[in-house]
Amino acid sequence: MEITALGYIGISSSQLDQWGQMATGLLGMQQVDRGGRMRAFRMDDRKQRLIVDGSSDAGLAVMGWEVPSTAELDRLAGRLEGHGIKVVRGSRALADERHVAELITFADPAGNRLEAFCKPELASEPFRPGRPISGFRTGALGMGHVVLNVEDVEPLLPFYRDVLGFHVSDFGLKPYGLYFFHVNGRHHSFAMVGSGRKAMHHFMVELGSLDDVGQGYDLAQMDEGRIAYTLGRHTNDHMTSFYVNTPSGFFIEYGWGARVIDPETWQPHETFDGPSLWGHERLHMPEEQRKRLRDMRLDAAARGVRVADPRVPPLNCAWLDSVIARE
């Protein structure tokens, strides 16, 4: 598989000042570019991870996927073209703007713009967070993950799974298609929700400390309307996180503690427990939808669904063991 990580995300939004304040003051990113209608933000030793272009309010502008070398980039381009997908070699100017050595551009069947690149540039100065945080969990795991709302998952599955080579981590089929894909040890770097809409749902960044997330939660609660999902924990990637509303109308997940899988042995499977073990109350949803998700969490709790922590010895609770055994 040529693609190894999510390298960067581009957003189109005229709300440049609002994005700058949120990215630095809440998320803890470092703003590195204030030129013209463009803003760029660092998360680590890379020159940029998040790019905000003020030329429109289109939302998601591009997903940038990393490959290890020029040879892998050429191989990916050839496979895309072999499937009838138009591939454009990125100009020197675009490569310089993205701070990479080479890149190609193409689109998925729904029209979402993707870029694949190799040899990203590293910054000469240490990362300086916009607020005191321990740092972001990136490296070989990439920037984080992206989740898209799509009209229908099925037509997009062959592209992401068979052409790009993304591997299914898990999936749900009711009440709509929901697929999670991995390209490295991160449980998912990409996901699609068959919600009937075409738009960004959210992107996620993972922090190095639970306290980073908790302190961010305090800051977000001080900003009226900023919280979209309350603090909670996901069932599939085990992330403890909350979600915020962005100036572009989609969400950002801000989390800690996600599992790292072994791509060589991982088996894709269907999930039935709902998206969250606890919390993640969707404050933006109508009460009827919130209740349905709340009932799923309460059902999982009643069945004793837990995430095993290898650092903590089992309690040997006979009552809990008996509840689980009855299921």
C-alpha atoms as a PDB file:
ATOM      1  CA  MET A   1       0.000   0.000   0.000  1.00  0.00           C
ATOM      2  CA  GLU A   2       1.585   3.269  -1.154  1.00  0.00           C
ATOM      3  CA  ILE A   3      -0.377   5.627   1.127  1.00  0.00           C
ATOM      4  CA  THR A   4       0.986   5.595   4.661  1.00  0.00           C
ATOM      5  CA  ALA A   5      -0.667   8.517   6.490  1.00  0.00           C
ATOM      6  CA  LEU A   6      -2.914  11.552   6.358  1.00  0.00           C
ATOM      7  CA  GLY A   7      -0.395  14.345   5.891  1.00  0.00           C
ATOM      8  CA  TYR A   8      -2.444  17.536   5.794  1.00  0.00           C
ATOM      9  CA  ILE A   9      -5.922  18.990   5.374  1.00  0.00           C
ATOM     10  CA  GLY A  10      -6.962  22.090   3.457  1.00  0.00           C
ATOM     11  CA  ILE A  11     -10.073  24.096   4.370  1.00  0.00           C
ATOM     12  CA  SER A  12     -11.737  26.884   2.369  1.00  0.00           C
ATOM     13  CA  SER A  13     -13.205  29.511   4.696  1.00  0.00           C
ATOM     14  CA  SER A  14     -13.515  33.283   4.651  1.00  0.00           C
ATOM     15  CA  GLN A  15     -13.530  33.235   8.482  1.00  0.00           C
ATOM     16  CA  LEU A  16      -9.760  33.432   8.709  1.00  0.00           C
ATOM     17  CA  ASP A  17      -9.533  35.277  12.031  1.00  0.00           C
ATOM     18  CA  GLN A  18     -11.995  32.907  13.691  1.00  0.00           C
ATOM     19  CA  TRP A  19     -10.060  29.884  12.410  1.00  0.00           C
ATOM     20  CA  GLY A  20      -6.804  31.401  13.632  1.00  0.00           C
ATOM     21  CA  GLN A  21      -8.167  32.043  17.119  1.00  0.00           C
ATOM     22  CA  MET A  22      -9.631  28.549  17.439  1.00  0.00           C
ATOM     23  CA  ALA A  23      -6.644  26.700  15.956  1.00  0.00           C
ATOM     24  CA  THR A  24      -4.146  28.405  18.263  1.00  0.00           C
ATOM     25  CA  GLY A  25      -6.088  29.365  21.396  1.00  0.00           C
ATOM     26  CA  LEU A  26      -8.161  26.177  21.739  1.00  0.00           C
ATOM     27  CA  LEU A  27      -6.504  23.420  19.708  1.00  0.00           C
ATOM     28  CA  GLY A  28      -2.955  24.553  20.502  1.00  0.00           C
ATOM     29  CA  MET A  29      -1.642  24.661  16.939  1.00  0.00           C
ATOM     30  CA  GLN A  30       1.054  27.117  15.865  1.00  0.00           C
ATOM     31  CA  GLN A  31       0.145  29.657  13.192  1.00  0.00           C
ATOM     32  CA  VAL A  32       3.019  30.037  10.764  1.00  0.00           C
ATOM     33  CA  ASP A  33       1.631  31.987   7.806  1.00  0.00           C
ATOM     34  CA  ARG A  34      -0.516  35.109   7.653  1.00  0.00           C
ATOM     35  CA  GLY A  35       0.118  35.953   4.004  1.00  0.00           C
ATOM     36  CA  GLY A  36      -2.823  37.255   1.970  1.00  0.00           C
ATOM     37  CA  ARG A  37      -5.909  35.031   2.169  1.00  0.00           C
ATOM     38  CA  MET A  38      -4.024  31.979   3.418  1.00  0.00           C
ATOM     39  CA  ARG A  39      -3.360  30.675   6.921  1.00  0.00           C
ATOM     40  CA  ALA A  40      -1.178  27.686   7.786  1.00  0.00           C
ATOM     41  CA  PHE A  41      -0.754  25.880  11.090  1.00  0.00           C
ATOM     42  CA  ARG A  42       1.833  23.511  12.519  1.00  0.00           C
ATOM     43  CA  MET A  43       1.271  20.572  14.870  1.00  0.00           C
ATOM     44  CA  ASP A  44       4.774  19.072  14.985  1.00  0.00           C
ATOM     45  CA  ASP A  45       8.058  19.192  13.073  1.00  0.00           C
ATOM     46  CA  ARG A  46       6.291  19.491   9.694  1.00  0.00           C
ATOM     47  CA  LYS A  47       6.111  22.963   8.160  1.00  0.00           C
ATOM     48  CA  GLN A  48       2.313  22.742   8.057  1.00  0.00           C
ATOM     49  CA  ARG A  49      -0.546  20.354   8.777  1.00  0.00           C
ATOM     50  CA  LEU A  50      -3.684  22.512   8.482  1.00  0.00           C
ATOM     51  CA  ILE A  51      -4.175  25.035   5.676  1.00  0.00           C
ATOM     52  CA  VAL A  52      -7.066  27.519   5.597  1.00  0.00           C
ATOM     53  CA  ASP A  53      -7.703  29.303   2.289  1.00  0.00           C
ATOM     54  CA  GLY A  54      -9.916  32.374   2.524  1.00  0.00           C
ATOM     55  CA  SER A  55     -10.934  32.448  -1.141  1.00  0.00           C
ATOM     56  CA  SER A  56     -14.325  30.748  -0.554  1.00  0.00           C
ATOM     57  CA  ASP A  57     -16.507  29.034   2.036  1.00  0.00           C
ATOM     58  CA  ALA A  58     -16.535  25.610   0.414  1.00  0.00           C
ATOM     59  CA  GLY A  59     -15.436  23.737   3.554  1.00  0.00           C
ATOM     60  CA  LEU A  60     -13.113  20.808   2.889  1.00  0.00           C
ATOM     61  CA  ALA A  61     -10.749  21.800   0.078  1.00  0.00           C
ATOM     62  CA  VAL A  62      -8.266  18.922   0.008  1.00  0.00           C
ATOM     63  CA  MET A  63      -7.019  15.850   1.839  1.00  0.00           C
ATOM     64  CA  GLY A  64      -3.267  15.319   1.482  1.00  0.00           C
ATOM     65  CA  TRP A  65      -2.107  11.683   1.680  1.00  0.00           C
ATOM     66  CA  GLU A  66       1.542  10.785   2.199  1.00  0.00           C
ATOM     67  CA  VAL A  67       3.537   8.145   0.309  1.00  0.00           C
ATOM     68  CA  PRO A  68       7.121   7.154   1.110  1.00  0.00           C
ATOM     69  CA  SER A  69       8.900   7.975  -2.152  1.00  0.00           C
ATOM     70  CA  THR A  70       8.727   9.206  -5.737  1.00  0.00           C
ATOM     71  CA  ALA A  71       8.534   5.600  -6.924  1.00  0.00           C
ATOM     72  CA  GLU A  72       5.484   4.974  -4.729  1.00  0.00           C
ATOM     73  CA  LEU A  73       3.900   8.197  -5.969  1.00  0.00           C
ATOM     74  CA  ASP A  74       4.412   7.081  -9.577  1.00  0.00           C
ATOM     75  CA  ARG A  75       2.982   3.665  -8.800  1.00  0.00           C
ATOM     76  CA  LEU A  76      -0.118   5.182  -7.249  1.00  0.00           C
ATOM     77  CA  ALA A  77      -0.568   7.550 -10.192  1.00  0.00           C
ATOM     78  CA  GLY A  78      -0.333   4.654 -12.619  1.00  0.00           C
ATOM     79  CA  ARG A  79      -2.939   2.622 -10.752  1.00  0.00           C
ATOM     80  CA  LEU A  80      -5.327   5.578 -10.602  1.00  0.00           C
ATOM     81  CA  GLU A  81      -4.953   6.181 -14.324  1.00  0.00           C
ATOM     82  CA  GLY A  82      -5.434   2.482 -14.969  1.00  0.00           C
ATOM     83  CA  HIS A  83      -8.855   2.783 -13.319  1.00  0.00           C
ATOM     84  CA  GLY A  84      -9.794   5.724 -15.513  1.00  0.00           C
ATOM     85  CA  ILE A  85      -9.177   8.386 -12.859  1.00  0.00           C
ATOM     86  CA  LYS A  86      -7.657  11.640 -14.098  1.00  0.00           C
ATOM     87  CA  VAL A  87      -4.350  12.408 -12.408  1.00  0.00           C
ATOM     88  CA  VAL A  88      -2.595  15.797 -12.627  1.00  0.00           C
ATOM     89  CA  ARG A  89       1.041  16.240 -11.688  1.00  0.00           C
ATOM     90  CA  GLY A  90       1.275  19.102  -9.224  1.00  0.00           C
ATOM     91  CA  SER A  91       3.220  22.144 -10.391  1.00  0.00           C
ATOM     92  CA  ARG A  92       6.409  23.283  -8.713  1.00  0.00           C
ATOM     93  CA  ALA A  93       4.474  26.251  -7.333  1.00  0.00           C
ATOM     94  CA  LEU A  94       1.837  24.000  -5.763  1.00  0.00           C
ATOM     95  CA  ALA A  95       4.491  21.677  -4.309  1.00  0.00           C
ATOM     96  CA  ASP A  96       6.233  24.677  -2.753  1.00  0.00           C
ATOM     97  CA  GLU A  97       2.914  25.917  -1.361  1.00  0.00           C
ATOM     98  CA  ARG A  98       2.312  22.495   0.198  1.00  0.00           C
ATOM     99  CA  HIS A  99       5.960  22.255   1.377  1.00  0.00           C
ATOM    100  CA  VAL A 100       6.509  18.874  -0.294  1.00  0.00           C
ATOM    101  CA  ALA A 101       8.921  17.612  -2.949  1.00  0.00           C
ATOM    102  CA  GLU A 102       6.317  16.198  -5.357  1.00  0.00           C
ATOM    103  CA  LEU A 103       2.577  15.642  -5.495  1.00  0.00           C
ATOM    104  CA  ILE A 104      -0.285  14.533  -7.696  1.00  0.00           C
ATOM    105  CA  THR A 105      -3.908  15.668  -7.587  1.00  0.00           C
ATOM    106  CA  PHE A 106      -7.073  13.685  -8.346  1.00  0.00           C
ATOM    107  CA  ALA A 107     -10.674  13.368  -7.138  1.00  0.00           C
ATOM    108  CA  ASP A 108     -12.819  10.618  -5.682  1.00  0.00           C
ATOM    109  CA  PRO A 109     -16.075   9.633  -7.440  1.00  0.00           C
ATOM    110  CA  ALA A 110     -17.984  12.182  -5.332  1.00  0.00           C
ATOM    111  CA  GLY A 111     -15.734  15.022  -6.488  1.00  0.00           C
ATOM    112  CA  ASN A 112     -13.686  15.427  -3.295  1.00  0.00           C
ATOM    113  CA  ARG A 113     -10.172  16.676  -4.099  1.00  0.00           C
ATOM    114  CA  LEU A 114      -7.266  14.522  -2.948  1.00  0.00           C
ATOM    115  CA  GLU A 115      -3.528  15.000  -3.184  1.00  0.00           C
ATOM    116  CA  ALA A 116      -0.811  12.413  -2.729  1.00  0.00           C
ATOM    117  CA  PHE A 117       2.693  13.635  -1.951  1.00  0.00           C
ATOM    118  CA  CYS A 118       6.146  12.551  -0.896  1.00  0.00           C
ATOM    119  CA  LYS A 119       9.075  14.080   1.016  1.00  0.00           C
ATOM    120  CA  PRO A 120       7.392  16.707   3.201  1.00  0.00           C
ATOM    121  CA  GLU A 121       9.568  19.574   4.400  1.00  0.00           C
ATOM    122  CA  LEU A 122      10.550  19.793   8.053  1.00  0.00           C
ATOM    123  CA  ALA A 123      10.698  23.079   9.946  1.00  0.00           C
ATOM    124  CA  SER A 124      14.028  24.392  11.171  1.00  0.00           C
ATOM    125  CA  GLU A 125      12.456  25.767  14.367  1.00  0.00           C
ATOM    126  CA  PRO A 126      10.868  23.701  17.159  1.00  0.00           C
ATOM    127  CA  PHE A 127       7.083  23.501  17.309  1.00  0.00           C
ATOM    128  CA  ARG A 128       5.648  26.222  19.563  1.00  0.00           C
ATOM    129  CA  PRO A 129       2.047  25.476  20.561  1.00  0.00           C
ATOM    130  CA  GLY A 130      -0.545  28.232  20.649  1.00  0.00           C
ATOM    131  CA  ARG A 131      -1.377  27.313  24.247  1.00  0.00           C
ATOM    132  CA  PRO A 132       0.467  25.077  26.730  1.00  0.00           C
ATOM    133  CA  ILE A 133      -0.043  21.448  25.617  1.00  0.00           C
ATOM    134  CA  SER A 134       2.153  18.364  25.730  1.00  0.00           C
ATOM    135  CA  GLY A 135       1.936  18.066  21.945  1.00  0.00           C
ATOM    136  CA  PHE A 136       0.034  16.217  19.225  1.00  0.00           C
ATOM    137  CA  ARG A 137       0.257  12.504  18.502  1.00  0.00           C
ATOM    138  CA  THR A 138       1.410  12.464  14.880  1.00  0.00           C
ATOM    139  CA  GLY A 139       4.606  10.904  13.474  1.00  0.00           C
ATOM    140  CA  ALA A 140       4.002   7.639  11.611  1.00  0.00           C
ATOM    141  CA  LEU A 141       0.305   7.841  12.541  1.00  0.00           C
ATOM    142  CA  GLY A 142      -0.137  11.025  10.511  1.00  0.00           C
ATOM    143  CA  MET A 143      -2.054  14.196  11.271  1.00  0.00           C
ATOM    144  CA  GLY A 144      -5.175  12.453  12.583  1.00  0.00           C
ATOM    145  CA  HIS A 145      -8.300  11.402  10.723  1.00  0.00           C
ATOM    146  CA  VAL A 146     -10.988  12.798   8.425  1.00  0.00           C
ATOM    147  CA  VAL A 147     -14.655  11.743   8.366  1.00  0.00           C
ATOM    148  CA  LEU A 148     -16.860  12.684   5.417  1.00  0.00           C
ATOM    149  CA  ASN A 149     -20.618  12.849   5.044  1.00  0.00           C
ATOM    150  CA  VAL A 150     -21.427  11.214   1.694  1.00  0.00           C
ATOM    151  CA  GLU A 151     -24.670  10.694  -0.174  1.00  0.00           C
ATOM    152  CA  ASP A 152     -24.091   6.945  -0.463  1.00  0.00           C
ATOM    153  CA  VAL A 153     -21.144   4.900   0.830  1.00  0.00           C
ATOM    154  CA  GLU A 154     -21.443   2.020  -1.631  1.00  0.00           C
ATOM    155  CA  PRO A 155     -20.261   3.819  -4.816  1.00  0.00           C
ATOM    156  CA  LEU A 156     -17.204   5.154  -2.959  1.00  0.00           C
ATOM    157  CA  LEU A 157     -16.103   1.879  -1.368  1.00  0.00           C
ATOM    158  CA  PRO A 158     -14.306   0.489  -4.446  1.00  0.00           C
ATOM    159  CA  PHE A 159     -12.329   3.707  -4.852  1.00  0.00           C
ATOM    160  CA  TYR A 160     -11.025   4.003  -1.301  1.00  0.00           C
ATOM    161  CA  ARG A 161     -10.712   0.286  -0.560  1.00  0.00           C
ATOM    162  CA  ASP A 162      -9.647  -1.219  -3.896  1.00  0.00           C
ATOM    163  CA  VAL A 163      -7.980   1.645  -5.787  1.00  0.00           C
ATOM    164  CA  LEU A 164      -6.339   3.644  -3.001  1.00  0.00           C
ATOM    165  CA  GLY A 165      -5.769   0.525  -0.913  1.00  0.00           C
ATOM    166  CA  PHE A 166      -7.301   1.741   2.351  1.00  0.00           C
ATOM    167  CA  HIS A 167      -8.091  -1.144   4.708  1.00  0.00           C
ATOM    168  CA  VAL A 168     -11.470  -1.454   6.432  1.00  0.00           C
ATOM    169  CA  SER A 169     -11.148  -1.351  10.218  1.00  0.00           C
ATOM    170  CA  ASP A 170     -14.838  -1.811  11.016  1.00  0.00           C
ATOM    171  CA  PHE A 171     -18.219  -0.819   9.696  1.00  0.00           C
ATOM    172  CA  GLY A 172     -21.880  -0.377  10.603  1.00  0.00           C
ATOM    173  CA  LEU A 173     -24.854  -0.815   8.281  1.00  0.00           C
ATOM    174  CA  LYS A 174     -27.763   0.593  10.314  1.00  0.00           C
ATOM    175  CA  PRO A 175     -29.319   3.128  10.220  1.00  0.00           C
ATOM    176  CA  TYR A 176     -26.889   4.011   7.368  1.00  0.00           C
ATOM    177  CA  GLY A 177     -23.549   2.868   6.047  1.00  0.00           C
ATOM    178  CA  LEU A 178     -20.554   3.848   8.159  1.00  0.00           C
ATOM    179  CA  TYR A 179     -17.062   2.659   7.213  1.00  0.00           C
ATOM    180  CA  PHE A 180     -13.738   3.255   8.981  1.00  0.00           C
ATOM    181  CA  PHE A 181     -10.406   2.738   7.179  1.00  0.00           C
ATOM    182  CA  HIS A 182      -6.796   2.489   8.351  1.00  0.00           C
ATOM    183  CA  VAL A 183      -3.560   3.120   6.440  1.00  0.00           C
ATOM    184  CA  ASN A 184      -1.202   2.623   9.412  1.00  0.00           C
ATOM    185  CA  GLY A 185      -1.518   1.761  13.110  1.00  0.00           C
ATOM    186  CA  ARG A 186      -4.100   4.470  13.785  1.00  0.00           C
ATOM    187  CA  HIS A 187      -7.472   2.717  14.026  1.00  0.00           C
ATOM    188  CA  HIS A 188      -8.813   4.977  11.293  1.00  0.00           C
ATOM    189  CA  SER A 189      -7.342   7.765   9.230  1.00  0.00           C
ATOM    190  CA  PHE A 190     -10.468   8.061   7.090  1.00  0.00           C
ATOM    191  CA  ALA A 191     -14.171   7.296   7.448  1.00  0.00           C
ATOM    192  CA  MET A 192     -17.385   7.800   5.493  1.00  0.00           C
ATOM    193  CA  VAL A 193     -20.935   8.268   6.790  1.00  0.00           C
ATOM    194  CA  GLY A 194     -23.719   7.584   4.286  1.00  0.00           C
ATOM    195  CA  SER A 195     -25.871  10.400   5.626  1.00  0.00           C
ATOM    196  CA  GLY A 196     -27.271  11.501   2.271  1.00  0.00           C
ATOM    197  CA  ARG A 197     -25.222  14.716   2.354  1.00  0.00           C
ATOM    198  CA  LYS A 198     -21.905  15.692   0.790  1.00  0.00           C
ATOM    199  CA  ALA A 199     -19.811  17.613   3.309  1.00  0.00           C
ATOM    200  CA  MET A 200     -17.038  17.315   5.840  1.00  0.00           C
ATOM    201  CA  HIS A 201     -18.302  15.773   9.088  1.00  0.00           C
ATOM    202  CA  HIS A 202     -15.162  16.297  11.159  1.00  0.00           C
ATOM    203  CA  PHE A 203     -11.439  15.929  11.398  1.00  0.00           C
ATOM    204  CA  MET A 204      -9.645  14.684  14.497  1.00  0.00           C
ATOM    205  CA  VAL A 205      -6.397  15.625  16.200  1.00  0.00           C
ATOM    206  CA  GLU A 206      -5.014  13.541  19.053  1.00  0.00           C
ATOM    207  CA  LEU A 207      -3.162  15.023  22.014  1.00  0.00           C
ATOM    208  CA  GLY A 208      -0.329  13.608  24.058  1.00  0.00           C
ATOM    209  CA  SER A 209      -2.104  13.965  27.401  1.00  0.00           C
ATOM    210  CA  LEU A 210      -5.628  13.561  28.739  1.00  0.00           C
ATOM    211  CA  ASP A 211      -5.073  16.809  30.634  1.00  0.00           C
ATOM    212  CA  ASP A 212      -4.557  18.610  27.308  1.00  0.00           C
ATOM    213  CA  VAL A 213      -8.043  17.469  26.318  1.00  0.00           C
ATOM    214  CA  GLY A 214      -9.591  18.282  29.689  1.00  0.00           C
ATOM    215  CA  GLN A 215      -8.124  21.778  29.741  1.00  0.00           C
ATOM    216  CA  GLY A 216      -9.285  22.283  26.158  1.00  0.00           C
ATOM    217  CA  TYR A 217     -12.761  21.177  27.248  1.00  0.00           C
ATOM    218  CA  ASP A 218     -12.758  23.873  29.933  1.00  0.00           C
ATOM    219  CA  LEU A 219     -11.742  26.489  27.368  1.00  0.00           C
ATOM    220  CA  ALA A 220     -14.360  25.352  24.849  1.00  0.00           C
ATOM    221  CA  GLN A 221     -17.139  25.521  27.451  1.00  0.00           C
ATOM    222  CA  MET A 222     -16.322  29.172  28.053  1.00  0.00           C
ATOM    223  CA  ASP A 223     -17.166  29.943  24.407  1.00  0.00           C
ATOM    224  CA  GLU A 224     -20.956  29.894  23.948  1.00  0.00           C
ATOM    225  CA  GLY A 225     -22.004  27.315  21.372  1.00  0.00           C
ATOM    226  CA  ARG A 226     -18.509  25.931  20.811  1.00  0.00           C
ATOM    227  CA  ILE A 227     -19.188  22.421  22.199  1.00  0.00           C
ATOM    228  CA  ALA A 228     -20.888  20.121  19.679  1.00  0.00           C
ATOM    229  CA  TYR A 229     -20.391  16.748  21.457  1.00  0.00           C
ATOM    230  CA  THR A 230     -19.727  16.504  25.179  1.00  0.00           C
ATOM    231  CA  LEU A 231     -16.740  14.584  26.529  1.00  0.00           C
ATOM    232  CA  GLY A 232     -17.058  10.863  25.832  1.00  0.00           C
ATOM    233  CA  ARG A 233     -15.316   7.684  24.659  1.00  0.00           C
ATOM    234  CA  HIS A 234     -15.709   5.903  21.339  1.00  0.00           C
ATOM    235  CA  THR A 235     -16.355   2.180  21.077  1.00  0.00           C
ATOM    236  CA  ASN A 236     -14.146   1.380  18.097  1.00  0.00           C
ATOM    237  CA  ASP A 237     -10.944   3.434  18.436  1.00  0.00           C
ATOM    238  CA  HIS A 238     -11.307   3.939  22.234  1.00  0.00           C
ATOM    239  CA  MET A 239     -10.648   7.675  21.880  1.00  0.00           C
ATOM    240  CA  THR A 240     -11.641   9.904  24.794  1.00  0.00           C
ATOM    241  CA  SER A 241     -12.654  13.175  23.178  1.00  0.00           C
ATOM    242  CA  PHE A 242     -15.065  16.024  22.694  1.00  0.00           C
ATOM    243  CA  TYR A 243     -16.142  17.792  19.508  1.00  0.00           C
ATOM    244  CA  VAL A 244     -16.307  21.490  18.740  1.00  0.00           C
ATOM    245  CA  ASN A 245     -18.191  23.499  16.150  1.00  0.00           C
ATOM    246  CA  THR A 246     -15.915  25.229  13.651  1.00  0.00           C
ATOM    247  CA  PRO A 247     -16.386  28.493  11.744  1.00  0.00           C
ATOM    248  CA  SER A 248     -17.035  26.331   8.640  1.00  0.00           C
ATOM    249  CA  GLY A 249     -20.017  24.429  10.007  1.00  0.00           C
ATOM    250  CA  PHE A 250     -18.344  21.046  10.522  1.00  0.00           C
ATOM    251  CA  PHE A 251     -16.739  19.607  13.669  1.00  0.00           C
ATOM    252  CA  ILE A 252     -13.279  18.983  15.052  1.00  0.00           C
ATOM    253  CA  GLU A 253     -12.727  16.044  17.397  1.00  0.00           C
ATOM    254  CA  TYR A 254     -10.165  16.761  20.102  1.00  0.00           C
ATOM    255  CA  GLY A 255      -9.025  13.544  21.744  1.00  0.00           C
ATOM    256  CA  TRP A 256      -6.560  11.378  23.613  1.00  0.00           C
ATOM    257  CA  GLY A 257      -5.804   7.705  24.201  1.00  0.00           C
ATOM    258  CA  ALA A 258      -6.839   6.055  20.938  1.00  0.00           C
ATOM    259  CA  ARG A 259      -5.816   2.467  20.350  1.00  0.00           C
ATOM    260  CA  VAL A 260      -3.027   1.546  17.949  1.00  0.00           C
ATOM    261  CA  ILE A 261      -3.785  -1.543  15.873  1.00  0.00           C
ATOM    262  CA  ASP A 262      -1.545  -4.016  14.056  1.00  0.00           C
ATOM    263  CA  PRO A 263      -2.460  -3.635  10.368  1.00  0.00           C
ATOM    264  CA  GLU A 264      -0.926  -7.040   9.588  1.00  0.00           C
ATOM    265  CA  THR A 265      -3.296  -8.972  11.837  1.00  0.00           C
ATOM    266  CA  TRP A 266      -6.351  -6.712  12.107  1.00  0.00           C
ATOM    267  CA  GLN A 267      -9.637  -8.239  10.941  1.00  0.00           C
ATOM    268  CA  PRO A 268     -12.456  -5.970   9.687  1.00  0.00           C
ATOM    269  CA  HIS A 269     -15.794  -6.523  11.399  1.00  0.00           C
ATOM    270  CA  GLU A 270     -19.288  -5.118  11.741  1.00  0.00           C
ATOM    271  CA  THR A 271     -20.045  -3.125  14.899  1.00  0.00           C
ATOM    272  CA  PHE A 272     -23.348  -3.045  16.773  1.00  0.00           C
ATOM    273  CA  ASP A 273     -22.702  -1.184  20.049  1.00  0.00           C
ATOM    274  CA  GLY A 274     -23.145   2.345  18.724  1.00  0.00           C
ATOM    275  CA  PRO A 275     -20.437   4.988  18.349  1.00  0.00           C
ATOM    276  CA  SER A 276     -19.764   5.792  22.014  1.00  0.00           C
ATOM    277  CA  LEU A 277     -19.418   3.890  25.293  1.00  0.00           C
ATOM    278  CA  TRP A 278     -20.379   6.945  27.318  1.00  0.00           C
ATOM    279  CA  GLY A 279     -20.751  10.679  26.848  1.00  0.00           C
ATOM    280  CA  HIS A 280     -20.551  12.332  23.416  1.00  0.00           C
ATOM    281  CA  GLU A 281     -24.007  13.841  23.862  1.00  0.00           C
ATOM    282  CA  ARG A 282     -24.713  15.436  20.477  1.00  0.00           C
ATOM    283  CA  LEU A 283     -25.831  18.892  21.526  1.00  0.00           C
ATOM    284  CA  HIS A 284     -26.568  19.924  17.938  1.00  0.00           C
ATOM    285  CA  MET A 285     -29.084  17.110  17.323  1.00  0.00           C
ATOM    286  CA  PRO A 286     -32.849  17.087  17.856  1.00  0.00           C
ATOM    287  CA  GLU A 287     -33.891  15.375  21.088  1.00  0.00           C
ATOM    288  CA  GLU A 288     -35.292  12.301  19.330  1.00  0.00           C
ATOM    289  CA  GLN A 289     -31.953  11.529  17.678  1.00  0.00           C
ATOM    290  CA  ARG A 290     -30.049  12.297  20.874  1.00  0.00           C
ATOM    291  CA  LYS A 291     -32.272   9.864  22.785  1.00  0.00           C
ATOM    292  CA  ARG A 292     -31.643   7.058  20.290  1.00  0.00           C
ATOM    293  CA  LEU A 293     -27.873   7.404  20.714  1.00  0.00           C
ATOM    294  CA  ARG A 294     -28.235   7.808  24.475  1.00  0.00           C
ATOM    295  CA  ASP A 295     -30.222   4.568  24.653  1.00  0.00           C
ATOM    296  CA  MET A 296     -27.461   2.760  22.763  1.00  0.00           C
ATOM    297  CA  ARG A 297     -24.906   3.972  25.307  1.00  0.00           C
ATOM    298  CA  LEU A 298     -27.079   2.934  28.224  1.00  0.00           C
ATOM    299  CA  ASP A 299     -27.603  -0.489  26.653  1.00  0.00           C
ATOM    300  CA  ALA A 300     -23.857  -0.964  26.262  1.00  0.00           C
ATOM    301  CA  ALA A 301     -23.374   0.061  29.902  1.00  0.00           C
ATOM    302  CA  ALA A 302     -26.072  -2.382  31.066  1.00  0.00           C
ATOM    303  CA  ARG A 303     -24.274  -5.173  29.215  1.00  0.00           C
ATOM    304  CA  GLY A 304     -20.978  -4.314  30.877  1.00  0.00           C
ATOM    305  CA  VAL A 305     -19.198  -3.223  27.702  1.00  0.00           C
ATOM    306  CA  ARG A 306     -15.802  -1.853  28.676  1.00  0.00           C
ATOM    307  CA  VAL A 307     -12.417  -1.113  27.137  1.00  0.00           C
ATOM    308  CA  ALA A 308      -9.755  -3.295  28.731  1.00  0.00           C
ATOM    309  CA  ASP A 309      -6.734  -1.289  29.885  1.00  0.00           C
ATOM    310  CA  PRO A 310      -3.601  -3.495  29.768  1.00  0.00           C
ATOM    311  CA  ARG A 311      -1.918  -1.240  32.335  1.00  0.00           C
ATOM    312  CA  VAL A 312      -4.540  -1.999  35.004  1.00  0.00           C
ATOM    313  CA  PRO A 313      -4.984  -5.514  36.462  1.00  0.00           C
ATOM    314  CA  PRO A 314      -8.513  -6.989  36.315  1.00  0.00           C
ATOM    315  CA  LEU A 315     -10.760  -6.399  39.338  1.00  0.00           C
ATOM    316  CA  ASN A 316     -12.125  -9.957  39.302  1.00  0.00           C
ATOM    317  CA  CYS A 317     -15.608  -8.613  39.973  1.00  0.00           C
ATOM    318  CA  ALA A 318     -17.930 -11.600  40.191  1.00  0.00           C
ATOM    319  CA  TRP A 319     -21.042  -9.470  39.632  1.00  0.00           C
ATOM    320  CA  LEU A 320     -19.705  -7.877  36.423  1.00  0.00           C
ATOM    321  CA  ASP A 321     -18.425 -11.255  35.191  1.00  0.00           C
ATOM    322  CA  SER A 322     -21.898 -12.726  35.716  1.00  0.00           C
ATOM    323  CA  VAL A 323     -23.573  -9.862  33.800  1.00  0.00           C
ATOM    324  CA  ILE A 324     -21.237 -10.319  30.841  1.00  0.00           C
ATOM    325  CA  ALA A 325     -21.636 -14.094  30.919  1.00  0.00           C
ATOM    326  CA  ARG A 326     -25.438 -13.772  30.659  1.00  0.00           C
ATOM    327  CA  GLU A 327     -25.166 -11.757  27.412  1.00  0.00           C
END
